[in-house]
Amino acid sequence: MGLSDRIDRAIGTAISRGQARPSPGKLASALHYTVTPGGARIRPTLLLSVAAACGDDRPVLADAAACALELIHCASLVHDDLPCFDDADIRRGKPSVHRAFGEPLAILAGDSLIVMAFEVLARAAPEDPLRAAKLIEILATRTGMPGGICAGQGWESETEVDVRAYHRAKTAALFVAACQMGAVAAGHDADAWEDLGDRIGEAFQVADDLRDALYDEETLGKPVGQDDLHGRPNAVTELGVQGAIARMRDILGGAISSIPKCPGEAHLAKLVTAQAEVLTPLKWRAAQVPGE
């Protein structure tokens, strides 16, 4: 079974369990709406790829970890889109959850997915209780305070922003979680994988800044120009388009060199390289930095 099939099956099982009757029908529908279509599933794919590189000796646990991570990511998108934050009308090419179901159900859907993520890991714990406990710890750390995605959102309410801490919490946190959780699910040490996740997350943030600056809403499937609108620090403002492209390439080169020694090291390096193509918007995929 391919990675995308494993991810979709695990998420589908979790959502079906959350929709079991008796349950409020509108909220049950909102759960399914939130996770479909699934987008690129970059984070859970990275998690399963790291697990595979490390041997993937507990695939049930790895699938649960991938599912839990994606549920957290989807929940964060629901909350990000709310009027009190980005007030976004579109997400993944369709109305955002609060536009489709209303704000109360959107908040409840996001909250339910967060709880569901930890339930998924708890249900998989019999596969290896010690690994499961570590997976829960990593996911909680990269979701909450002081360095998780909640902190990333919180930085946007500050008058003075630590830009590195902001980006590391808002974007890199779940990529670090993906790498660490994939390793732990396969019985490897989490700490060795933090640098890879941090670098991939940083590259993704730069790529997101470029997409936000260069794409239109129809192409991107969500509102654009949000960084300028909300006065957020971003790589394009700081470095210009060509400078941001060069920065992303440098980061990804460092990411490949930071992959820890593991049985599937070479294959994982190829995957990170291929992922660079996914991150690269078509408008500047062939762009060349002056002097190259």
C-alpha atoms as a PDB file:
ATOM      1  CA  MET A   1       0.000   0.000   0.000  1.00  0.00           C
ATOM      2  CA  GLY A   2       1.338   3.449  -0.944  1.00  0.00           C
ATOM      3  CA  LEU A   3       1.926   6.217   1.582  1.00  0.00           C
ATOM      4  CA  SER A   4      -1.050   8.288   0.431  1.00  0.00           C
ATOM      5  CA  ASP A   5      -3.345   5.268   0.742  1.00  0.00           C
ATOM      6  CA  ARG A   6      -2.087   4.584   4.259  1.00  0.00           C
ATOM      7  CA  ILE A   7      -2.686   8.210   5.244  1.00  0.00           C
ATOM      8  CA  ASP A   8      -6.159   8.381   3.704  1.00  0.00           C
ATOM      9  CA  ARG A   9      -7.207   5.093   5.277  1.00  0.00           C
ATOM     10  CA  ALA A  10      -6.066   6.157   8.748  1.00  0.00           C
ATOM     11  CA  ILE A  11      -7.755   9.554   8.500  1.00  0.00           C
ATOM     12  CA  GLY A  12     -10.929   8.027   7.096  1.00  0.00           C
ATOM     13  CA  THR A  13     -11.109   5.565   9.993  1.00  0.00           C
ATOM     14  CA  ALA A  14     -10.614   8.326  12.561  1.00  0.00           C
ATOM     15  CA  ILE A  15     -13.264  10.585  11.013  1.00  0.00           C
ATOM     16  CA  SER A  16     -15.750   7.711  10.730  1.00  0.00           C
ATOM     17  CA  ARG A  17     -15.269   6.957  14.404  1.00  0.00           C
ATOM     18  CA  GLY A  18     -15.895  10.624  15.203  1.00  0.00           C
ATOM     19  CA  GLN A  19     -19.131  10.546  13.203  1.00  0.00           C
ATOM     20  CA  ALA A  20     -20.552   7.475  14.950  1.00  0.00           C
ATOM     21  CA  ARG A  21     -24.205   7.824  15.921  1.00  0.00           C
ATOM     22  CA  PRO A  22     -25.699   9.275  17.950  1.00  0.00           C
ATOM     23  CA  SER A  23     -23.788  12.477  17.178  1.00  0.00           C
ATOM     24  CA  PRO A  24     -24.678  16.004  16.030  1.00  0.00           C
ATOM     25  CA  GLY A  25     -25.039  15.698  12.278  1.00  0.00           C
ATOM     26  CA  LYS A  26     -23.788  19.146  11.283  1.00  0.00           C
ATOM     27  CA  LEU A  27     -20.615  18.834  13.327  1.00  0.00           C
ATOM     28  CA  ALA A  28     -20.084  15.310  11.975  1.00  0.00           C
ATOM     29  CA  SER A  29     -20.348  16.704   8.437  1.00  0.00           C
ATOM     30  CA  ALA A  30     -17.950  19.531   9.284  1.00  0.00           C
ATOM     31  CA  LEU A  31     -15.313  17.012  10.379  1.00  0.00           C
ATOM     32  CA  HIS A  32     -15.373  15.292   6.990  1.00  0.00           C
ATOM     33  CA  TYR A  33     -15.480  18.627   5.150  1.00  0.00           C
ATOM     34  CA  THR A  34     -12.400  19.837   7.027  1.00  0.00           C
ATOM     35  CA  VAL A  35     -10.107  16.972   6.027  1.00  0.00           C
ATOM     36  CA  THR A  36     -11.301  16.530   2.406  1.00  0.00           C
ATOM     37  CA  PRO A  37      -9.941  17.106  -0.120  1.00  0.00           C
ATOM     38  CA  GLY A  38      -6.687  16.427   1.626  1.00  0.00           C
ATOM     39  CA  GLY A  39      -4.297  18.812  -0.077  1.00  0.00           C
ATOM     40  CA  ALA A  40      -0.723  17.649  -0.540  1.00  0.00           C
ATOM     41  CA  ARG A  41      -0.538  15.832   2.839  1.00  0.00           C
ATOM     42  CA  ILE A  42       3.107  16.936   2.990  1.00  0.00           C
ATOM     43  CA  ARG A  43       3.554  16.486   6.734  1.00  0.00           C
ATOM     44  CA  PRO A  44       2.167  12.939   7.116  1.00  0.00           C
ATOM     45  CA  THR A  45       3.979  11.877   3.936  1.00  0.00           C
ATOM     46  CA  LEU A  46       7.238  13.140   5.388  1.00  0.00           C
ATOM     47  CA  LEU A  47       6.481  11.311   8.643  1.00  0.00           C
ATOM     48  CA  LEU A  48       5.895   7.979   6.911  1.00  0.00           C
ATOM     49  CA  SER A  49       8.953   8.513   4.721  1.00  0.00           C
ATOM     50  CA  VAL A  50      11.149   9.004   7.781  1.00  0.00           C
ATOM     51  CA  ALA A  51       9.579   5.924   9.387  1.00  0.00           C
ATOM     52  CA  ALA A  52      10.338   3.936   6.230  1.00  0.00           C
ATOM     53  CA  ALA A  53      13.934   5.191   6.220  1.00  0.00           C
ATOM     54  CA  CYS A  54      14.250   3.997   9.818  1.00  0.00           C
ATOM     55  CA  GLY A  55      12.820   0.538   9.129  1.00  0.00           C
ATOM     56  CA  ASP A  56       9.061   1.082   9.752  1.00  0.00           C
ATOM     57  CA  ASP A  57       8.830  -1.911  12.084  1.00  0.00           C
ATOM     58  CA  ARG A  58       5.545  -0.680  13.639  1.00  0.00           C
ATOM     59  CA  PRO A  59       3.458   0.456  10.630  1.00  0.00           C
ATOM     60  CA  VAL A  60       0.248   0.639  12.662  1.00  0.00           C
ATOM     61  CA  LEU A  61       1.919   3.090  15.013  1.00  0.00           C
ATOM     62  CA  ALA A  62       3.426   5.058  12.122  1.00  0.00           C
ATOM     63  CA  ASP A  63       0.020   5.309  10.422  1.00  0.00           C
ATOM     64  CA  ALA A  64      -1.548   6.550  13.653  1.00  0.00           C
ATOM     65  CA  ALA A  65       1.199   9.143  14.026  1.00  0.00           C
ATOM     66  CA  ALA A  66       0.717  10.347  10.439  1.00  0.00           C
ATOM     67  CA  CYS A  67      -3.040  10.573  10.938  1.00  0.00           C
ATOM     68  CA  ALA A  68      -2.707  12.450  14.233  1.00  0.00           C
ATOM     69  CA  LEU A  69      -0.278  14.949  12.741  1.00  0.00           C
ATOM     70  CA  GLU A  70      -2.542  15.681   9.765  1.00  0.00           C
ATOM     71  CA  LEU A  71      -5.579  16.097  12.025  1.00  0.00           C
ATOM     72  CA  ILE A  72      -3.681  18.719  14.026  1.00  0.00           C
ATOM     73  CA  HIS A  73      -2.667  20.485  10.821  1.00  0.00           C
ATOM     74  CA  CYS A  74      -6.250  20.501   9.515  1.00  0.00           C
ATOM     75  CA  ALA A  75      -7.515  21.827  12.851  1.00  0.00           C
ATOM     76  CA  SER A  76      -4.980  24.649  12.706  1.00  0.00           C
ATOM     77  CA  LEU A  77      -6.218  25.647   9.234  1.00  0.00           C
ATOM     78  CA  VAL A  78      -9.804  25.831  10.466  1.00  0.00           C
ATOM     79  CA  HIS A  79      -8.774  28.093  13.323  1.00  0.00           C
ATOM     80  CA  ASP A  80      -6.415  30.194  11.170  1.00  0.00           C
ATOM     81  CA  ASP A  81      -9.259  30.980   8.777  1.00  0.00           C
ATOM     82  CA  LEU A  82     -11.636  32.289  11.464  1.00  0.00           C
ATOM     83  CA  PRO A  83     -12.645  35.983  11.406  1.00  0.00           C
ATOM     84  CA  CYS A  84     -10.650  36.637  14.585  1.00  0.00           C
ATOM     85  CA  PHE A  85      -7.463  35.591  12.750  1.00  0.00           C
ATOM     86  CA  ASP A  86      -7.151  35.643   8.935  1.00  0.00           C
ATOM     87  CA  ASP A  87     -10.895  35.910   8.141  1.00  0.00           C
ATOM     88  CA  ALA A  88     -10.346  33.753   5.053  1.00  0.00           C
ATOM     89  CA  ASP A  89     -13.263  32.839   2.811  1.00  0.00           C
ATOM     90  CA  ILE A  90     -11.484  30.120   0.808  1.00  0.00           C
ATOM     91  CA  ARG A  91      -9.348  27.124   1.797  1.00  0.00           C
ATOM     92  CA  ARG A  92      -8.166  24.426  -0.616  1.00  0.00           C
ATOM     93  CA  GLY A  93     -10.339  25.865  -3.348  1.00  0.00           C
ATOM     94  CA  LYS A  94     -13.655  25.745  -1.468  1.00  0.00           C
ATOM     95  CA  PRO A  95     -15.372  27.829   1.231  1.00  0.00           C
ATOM     96  CA  SER A  96     -13.521  27.768   4.530  1.00  0.00           C
ATOM     97  CA  VAL A  97     -15.215  25.792   7.292  1.00  0.00           C
ATOM     98  CA  HIS A  98     -16.647  28.833   9.086  1.00  0.00           C
ATOM     99  CA  ARG A  99     -18.129  30.056   5.787  1.00  0.00           C
ATOM    100  CA  ALA A 100     -19.678  26.662   5.050  1.00  0.00           C
ATOM    101  CA  PHE A 101     -20.908  25.784   8.555  1.00  0.00           C
ATOM    102  CA  GLY A 102     -20.715  28.972  10.639  1.00  0.00           C
ATOM    103  CA  GLU A 103     -18.210  30.057  13.264  1.00  0.00           C
ATOM    104  CA  PRO A 104     -19.501  27.972  16.214  1.00  0.00           C
ATOM    105  CA  LEU A 105     -19.291  24.699  14.276  1.00  0.00           C
ATOM    106  CA  ALA A 106     -15.913  25.658  12.797  1.00  0.00           C
ATOM    107  CA  ILE A 107     -14.484  26.197  16.285  1.00  0.00           C
ATOM    108  CA  LEU A 108     -15.960  22.913  17.468  1.00  0.00           C
ATOM    109  CA  ALA A 109     -14.680  21.074  14.389  1.00  0.00           C
ATOM    110  CA  GLY A 110     -11.142  22.343  14.969  1.00  0.00           C
ATOM    111  CA  ASP A 111     -11.309  21.465  18.661  1.00  0.00           C
ATOM    112  CA  SER A 112     -12.697  18.015  17.884  1.00  0.00           C
ATOM    113  CA  LEU A 113      -9.874  17.262  15.437  1.00  0.00           C
ATOM    114  CA  ILE A 114      -7.258  18.218  18.040  1.00  0.00           C
ATOM    115  CA  VAL A 115      -8.791  15.860  20.587  1.00  0.00           C
ATOM    116  CA  MET A 116      -9.199  13.182  17.917  1.00  0.00           C
ATOM    117  CA  ALA A 117      -5.485  13.362  17.087  1.00  0.00           C
ATOM    118  CA  PHE A 118      -4.494  12.352  20.592  1.00  0.00           C
ATOM    119  CA  GLU A 119      -7.233   9.719  20.731  1.00  0.00           C
ATOM    120  CA  VAL A 120      -5.783   8.129  17.575  1.00  0.00           C
ATOM    121  CA  LEU A 121      -2.358   7.876  19.214  1.00  0.00           C
ATOM    122  CA  ALA A 122      -3.844   6.503  22.432  1.00  0.00           C
ATOM    123  CA  ARG A 123      -5.712   3.795  20.508  1.00  0.00           C
ATOM    124  CA  ALA A 124      -2.471   2.725  18.822  1.00  0.00           C
ATOM    125  CA  ALA A 125      -0.522   2.650  22.083  1.00  0.00           C
ATOM    126  CA  PRO A 126      -0.776  -1.156  22.566  1.00  0.00           C
ATOM    127  CA  GLU A 127       1.556  -1.521  19.550  1.00  0.00           C
ATOM    128  CA  ASP A 128       4.375  -0.071  21.678  1.00  0.00           C
ATOM    129  CA  PRO A 129       3.351   1.936  24.779  1.00  0.00           C
ATOM    130  CA  LEU A 130       6.722   3.663  25.239  1.00  0.00           C
ATOM    131  CA  ARG A 131       6.918   4.808  21.632  1.00  0.00           C
ATOM    132  CA  ALA A 132       3.280   5.959  21.762  1.00  0.00           C
ATOM    133  CA  ALA A 133       3.925   8.008  24.884  1.00  0.00           C
ATOM    134  CA  LYS A 134       6.842   9.734  23.150  1.00  0.00           C
ATOM    135  CA  LEU A 135       4.692  10.395  20.077  1.00  0.00           C
ATOM    136  CA  ILE A 136       2.045  12.043  22.250  1.00  0.00           C
ATOM    137  CA  GLU A 137       4.700  14.181  23.937  1.00  0.00           C
ATOM    138  CA  ILE A 138       6.188  15.333  20.619  1.00  0.00           C
ATOM    139  CA  LEU A 139       2.823  16.189  19.091  1.00  0.00           C
ATOM    140  CA  ALA A 140       1.734  18.115  22.194  1.00  0.00           C
ATOM    141  CA  THR A 141       5.021  20.023  22.309  1.00  0.00           C
ATOM    142  CA  ARG A 142       4.802  21.032  18.653  1.00  0.00           C
ATOM    143  CA  THR A 143       1.124  21.989  18.954  1.00  0.00           C
ATOM    144  CA  GLY A 144       0.980  24.075  22.132  1.00  0.00           C
ATOM    145  CA  MET A 145       3.100  26.554  24.062  1.00  0.00           C
ATOM    146  CA  PRO A 146       5.804  27.786  24.137  1.00  0.00           C
ATOM    147  CA  GLY A 147       7.085  26.571  20.772  1.00  0.00           C
ATOM    148  CA  GLY A 148       4.195  24.932  18.938  1.00  0.00           C
ATOM    149  CA  ILE A 149       1.739  26.186  16.346  1.00  0.00           C
ATOM    150  CA  CYS A 150      -0.414  27.848  19.030  1.00  0.00           C
ATOM    151  CA  ALA A 151       2.609  29.951  19.939  1.00  0.00           C
ATOM    152  CA  GLY A 152       3.089  30.729  16.260  1.00  0.00           C
ATOM    153  CA  GLN A 153      -0.410  32.163  16.091  1.00  0.00           C
ATOM    154  CA  GLY A 154       0.177  33.970  19.372  1.00  0.00           C
ATOM    155  CA  TRP A 155       3.200  35.835  18.026  1.00  0.00           C
ATOM    156  CA  GLU A 156       0.869  37.644  15.624  1.00  0.00           C
ATOM    157  CA  SER A 157      -0.715  39.444  18.585  1.00  0.00           C
ATOM    158  CA  GLU A 158       2.619  40.814  19.834  1.00  0.00           C
ATOM    159  CA  THR A 159       3.884  44.336  19.079  1.00  0.00           C
ATOM    160  CA  GLU A 160       7.477  43.077  18.867  1.00  0.00           C
ATOM    161  CA  VAL A 161       8.010  39.782  17.061  1.00  0.00           C
ATOM    162  CA  ASP A 162      10.950  37.416  17.352  1.00  0.00           C
ATOM    163  CA  VAL A 163      10.850  36.481  13.660  1.00  0.00           C
ATOM    164  CA  ARG A 164      12.840  33.251  13.990  1.00  0.00           C
ATOM    165  CA  ALA A 165      10.751  32.056  16.936  1.00  0.00           C
ATOM    166  CA  TYR A 166       7.582  33.061  15.074  1.00  0.00           C
ATOM    167  CA  HIS A 167       8.424  31.101  11.928  1.00  0.00           C
ATOM    168  CA  ARG A 168       9.791  28.151  13.874  1.00  0.00           C
ATOM    169  CA  ALA A 169       6.557  27.871  15.842  1.00  0.00           C
ATOM    170  CA  LYS A 170       4.064  28.757  13.112  1.00  0.00           C
ATOM    171  CA  THR A 171       5.487  26.652  10.285  1.00  0.00           C
ATOM    172  CA  ALA A 172       8.490  24.548  11.248  1.00  0.00           C
ATOM    173  CA  ALA A 173       6.937  23.010  14.378  1.00  0.00           C
ATOM    174  CA  LEU A 174       4.821  20.442  12.549  1.00  0.00           C
ATOM    175  CA  PHE A 175       7.657  19.572  10.167  1.00  0.00           C
ATOM    176  CA  VAL A 176       9.886  18.912  13.169  1.00  0.00           C
ATOM    177  CA  ALA A 177       7.052  16.803  14.585  1.00  0.00           C
ATOM    178  CA  ALA A 178       6.798  14.887  11.295  1.00  0.00           C
ATOM    179  CA  CYS A 179      10.484  13.964  11.293  1.00  0.00           C
ATOM    180  CA  GLN A 180      10.681  13.165  14.998  1.00  0.00           C
ATOM    181  CA  MET A 181       7.431  11.201  15.098  1.00  0.00           C
ATOM    182  CA  GLY A 182       8.391   9.168  12.029  1.00  0.00           C
ATOM    183  CA  ALA A 183      11.688   8.242  13.658  1.00  0.00           C
ATOM    184  CA  VAL A 184      10.120   7.422  17.029  1.00  0.00           C
ATOM    185  CA  ALA A 185       7.371   5.305  15.453  1.00  0.00           C
ATOM    186  CA  ALA A 186      10.156   3.156  13.983  1.00  0.00           C
ATOM    187  CA  GLY A 187      12.149   2.974  17.205  1.00  0.00           C
ATOM    188  CA  HIS A 188      14.778   5.674  16.522  1.00  0.00           C
ATOM    189  CA  ASP A 189      15.847   8.651  18.614  1.00  0.00           C
ATOM    190  CA  ALA A 190      13.799  11.825  18.140  1.00  0.00           C
ATOM    191  CA  ASP A 191      16.522  14.382  18.847  1.00  0.00           C
ATOM    192  CA  ALA A 192      18.642  13.420  15.842  1.00  0.00           C
ATOM    193  CA  TRP A 193      15.804  14.358  13.492  1.00  0.00           C
ATOM    194  CA  GLU A 194      14.990  17.829  14.796  1.00  0.00           C
ATOM    195  CA  ASP A 195      17.393  19.662  12.505  1.00  0.00           C
ATOM    196  CA  LEU A 196      15.959  18.074   9.355  1.00  0.00           C
ATOM    197  CA  GLY A 197      12.425  19.041  10.317  1.00  0.00           C
ATOM    198  CA  ASP A 198      13.507  22.547  11.239  1.00  0.00           C
ATOM    199  CA  ARG A 199      15.187  23.078   7.871  1.00  0.00           C
ATOM    200  CA  ILE A 200      12.299  21.655   5.843  1.00  0.00           C
ATOM    201  CA  GLY A 201       9.906  23.830   7.813  1.00  0.00           C
ATOM    202  CA  GLU A 202      12.003  26.918   7.154  1.00  0.00           C
ATOM    203  CA  ALA A 203      12.107  26.117   3.432  1.00  0.00           C
ATOM    204  CA  PHE A 204       8.346  25.623   3.400  1.00  0.00           C
ATOM    205  CA  GLN A 205       7.854  29.015   5.068  1.00  0.00           C
ATOM    206  CA  VAL A 206       9.953  30.751   2.412  1.00  0.00           C
ATOM    207  CA  ALA A 207       8.050  28.915  -0.338  1.00  0.00           C
ATOM    208  CA  ASP A 208       4.752  29.925   1.267  1.00  0.00           C
ATOM    209  CA  ASP A 209       5.887  33.552   1.386  1.00  0.00           C
ATOM    210  CA  LEU A 210       6.671  33.377  -2.331  1.00  0.00           C
ATOM    211  CA  ARG A 211       3.320  31.815  -3.187  1.00  0.00           C
ATOM    212  CA  ASP A 212       1.521  34.423  -1.096  1.00  0.00           C
ATOM    213  CA  ALA A 213       3.317  37.210  -2.982  1.00  0.00           C
ATOM    214  CA  LEU A 214       3.212  35.796  -6.521  1.00  0.00           C
ATOM    215  CA  TYR A 215       0.039  33.740  -6.929  1.00  0.00           C
ATOM    216  CA  ASP A 216      -3.613  34.659  -7.318  1.00  0.00           C
ATOM    217  CA  GLU A 217      -6.408  33.262  -5.179  1.00  0.00           C
ATOM    218  CA  GLU A 218      -7.764  30.952  -7.889  1.00  0.00           C
ATOM    219  CA  THR A 219      -4.394  29.289  -8.432  1.00  0.00           C
ATOM    220  CA  LEU A 220      -3.498  28.980  -4.769  1.00  0.00           C
ATOM    221  CA  GLY A 221      -6.947  27.947  -3.536  1.00  0.00           C
ATOM    222  CA  LYS A 222      -6.862  30.399  -0.618  1.00  0.00           C
ATOM    223  CA  PRO A 223      -6.569  34.176  -0.111  1.00  0.00           C
ATOM    224  CA  VAL A 224      -3.264  35.726  -1.207  1.00  0.00           C
ATOM    225  CA  GLY A 225      -1.395  38.834  -0.079  1.00  0.00           C
ATOM    226  CA  GLN A 226      -2.093  37.947   3.543  1.00  0.00           C
ATOM    227  CA  ASP A 227       1.446  38.736   4.737  1.00  0.00           C
ATOM    228  CA  ASP A 228       1.265  42.316   3.505  1.00  0.00           C
ATOM    229  CA  LEU A 229      -2.351  42.699   4.619  1.00  0.00           C
ATOM    230  CA  HIS A 230      -1.571  41.658   8.191  1.00  0.00           C
ATOM    231  CA  GLY A 231       1.905  43.187   8.326  1.00  0.00           C
ATOM    232  CA  ARG A 232       3.630  39.851   8.905  1.00  0.00           C
ATOM    233  CA  PRO A 233       7.370  39.379   8.424  1.00  0.00           C
ATOM    234  CA  ASN A 234       8.114  37.427   5.264  1.00  0.00           C
ATOM    235  CA  ALA A 235      11.033  36.406   3.089  1.00  0.00           C
ATOM    236  CA  VAL A 236       9.904  38.250  -0.047  1.00  0.00           C
ATOM    237  CA  THR A 237       9.708  41.598   1.755  1.00  0.00           C
ATOM    238  CA  GLU A 238      13.068  40.972   3.380  1.00  0.00           C
ATOM    239  CA  LEU A 239      15.010  39.440   0.475  1.00  0.00           C
ATOM    240  CA  GLY A 240      13.057  40.084  -2.716  1.00  0.00           C
ATOM    241  CA  VAL A 241      11.797  37.314  -4.994  1.00  0.00           C
ATOM    242  CA  GLN A 242      15.180  36.167  -6.301  1.00  0.00           C
ATOM    243  CA  GLY A 243      16.738  36.373  -2.859  1.00  0.00           C
ATOM    244  CA  ALA A 244      13.934  34.272  -1.399  1.00  0.00           C
ATOM    245  CA  ILE A 245      14.387  31.673  -4.141  1.00  0.00           C
ATOM    246  CA  ALA A 246      18.098  31.475  -3.383  1.00  0.00           C
ATOM    247  CA  ARG A 247      17.380  31.226   0.334  1.00  0.00           C
ATOM    248  CA  MET A 248      14.991  28.312  -0.136  1.00  0.00           C
ATOM    249  CA  ARG A 249      17.512  26.438  -2.262  1.00  0.00           C
ATOM    250  CA  ASP A 250      20.211  26.917   0.358  1.00  0.00           C
ATOM    251  CA  ILE A 251      17.914  25.676   3.120  1.00  0.00           C
ATOM    252  CA  LEU A 252      16.937  22.535   1.210  1.00  0.00           C
ATOM    253  CA  GLY A 253      20.585  21.787   0.477  1.00  0.00           C
ATOM    254  CA  GLY A 254      21.273  21.983   4.192  1.00  0.00           C
ATOM    255  CA  ALA A 255      18.248  19.792   4.905  1.00  0.00           C
ATOM    256  CA  ILE A 256      19.591  16.971   2.751  1.00  0.00           C
ATOM    257  CA  SER A 257      22.986  17.130   4.440  1.00  0.00           C
ATOM    258  CA  SER A 258      21.330  17.021   7.876  1.00  0.00           C
ATOM    259  CA  ILE A 259      19.576  13.650   7.340  1.00  0.00           C
ATOM    260  CA  PRO A 260      20.776  11.328  10.130  1.00  0.00           C
ATOM    261  CA  LYS A 261      22.411   8.005   9.341  1.00  0.00           C
ATOM    262  CA  CYS A 262      19.678   5.431   8.803  1.00  0.00           C
ATOM    263  CA  PRO A 263      18.976   2.454   6.521  1.00  0.00           C
ATOM    264  CA  GLY A 264      16.956   4.538   4.072  1.00  0.00           C
ATOM    265  CA  GLU A 265      19.121   7.670   4.094  1.00  0.00           C
ATOM    266  CA  ALA A 266      19.705   7.804   0.314  1.00  0.00           C
ATOM    267  CA  HIS A 267      16.037   7.294  -0.539  1.00  0.00           C
ATOM    268  CA  LEU A 268      14.986   9.965   1.968  1.00  0.00           C
ATOM    269  CA  ALA A 269      17.442  12.412   0.395  1.00  0.00           C
ATOM    270  CA  LYS A 270      15.770  11.815  -2.976  1.00  0.00           C
ATOM    271  CA  LEU A 271      12.357  12.412  -1.423  1.00  0.00           C
ATOM    272  CA  VAL A 272      13.446  15.728   0.101  1.00  0.00           C
ATOM    273  CA  THR A 273      14.833  16.762  -3.282  1.00  0.00           C
ATOM    274  CA  ALA A 274      11.564  15.799  -4.977  1.00  0.00           C
ATOM    275  CA  GLN A 275       9.621  17.675  -2.322  1.00  0.00           C
ATOM    276  CA  ALA A 276      11.463  20.829  -3.364  1.00  0.00           C
ATOM    277  CA  GLU A 277       9.612  20.579  -6.670  1.00  0.00           C
ATOM    278  CA  VAL A 278       6.289  20.323  -4.835  1.00  0.00           C
ATOM    279  CA  LEU A 279       7.169  23.406  -2.783  1.00  0.00           C
ATOM    280  CA  THR A 280       8.234  25.375  -5.843  1.00  0.00           C
ATOM    281  CA  PRO A 281       5.365  27.338  -7.454  1.00  0.00           C
ATOM    282  CA  LEU A 282       5.168  26.938 -11.215  1.00  0.00           C
ATOM    283  CA  LYS A 283       5.603  30.647 -11.846  1.00  0.00           C
ATOM    284  CA  TRP A 284       9.195  30.571 -10.660  1.00  0.00           C
ATOM    285  CA  ARG A 285      10.093  26.884 -10.905  1.00  0.00           C
ATOM    286  CA  ALA A 286      12.440  27.651 -13.786  1.00  0.00           C
ATOM    287  CA  ALA A 287      13.620  30.980 -12.393  1.00  0.00           C
ATOM    288  CA  GLN A 288      17.352  31.435 -12.115  1.00  0.00           C
ATOM    289  CA  VAL A 289      19.142  33.431  -9.487  1.00  0.00           C
ATOM    290  CA  PRO A 290      21.549  35.959 -11.108  1.00  0.00           C
ATOM    291  CA  GLY A 291      25.008  34.465 -11.394  1.00  0.00           C
ATOM    292  CA  GLU A 292      23.861  30.863 -11.483  1.00  0.00           C
END
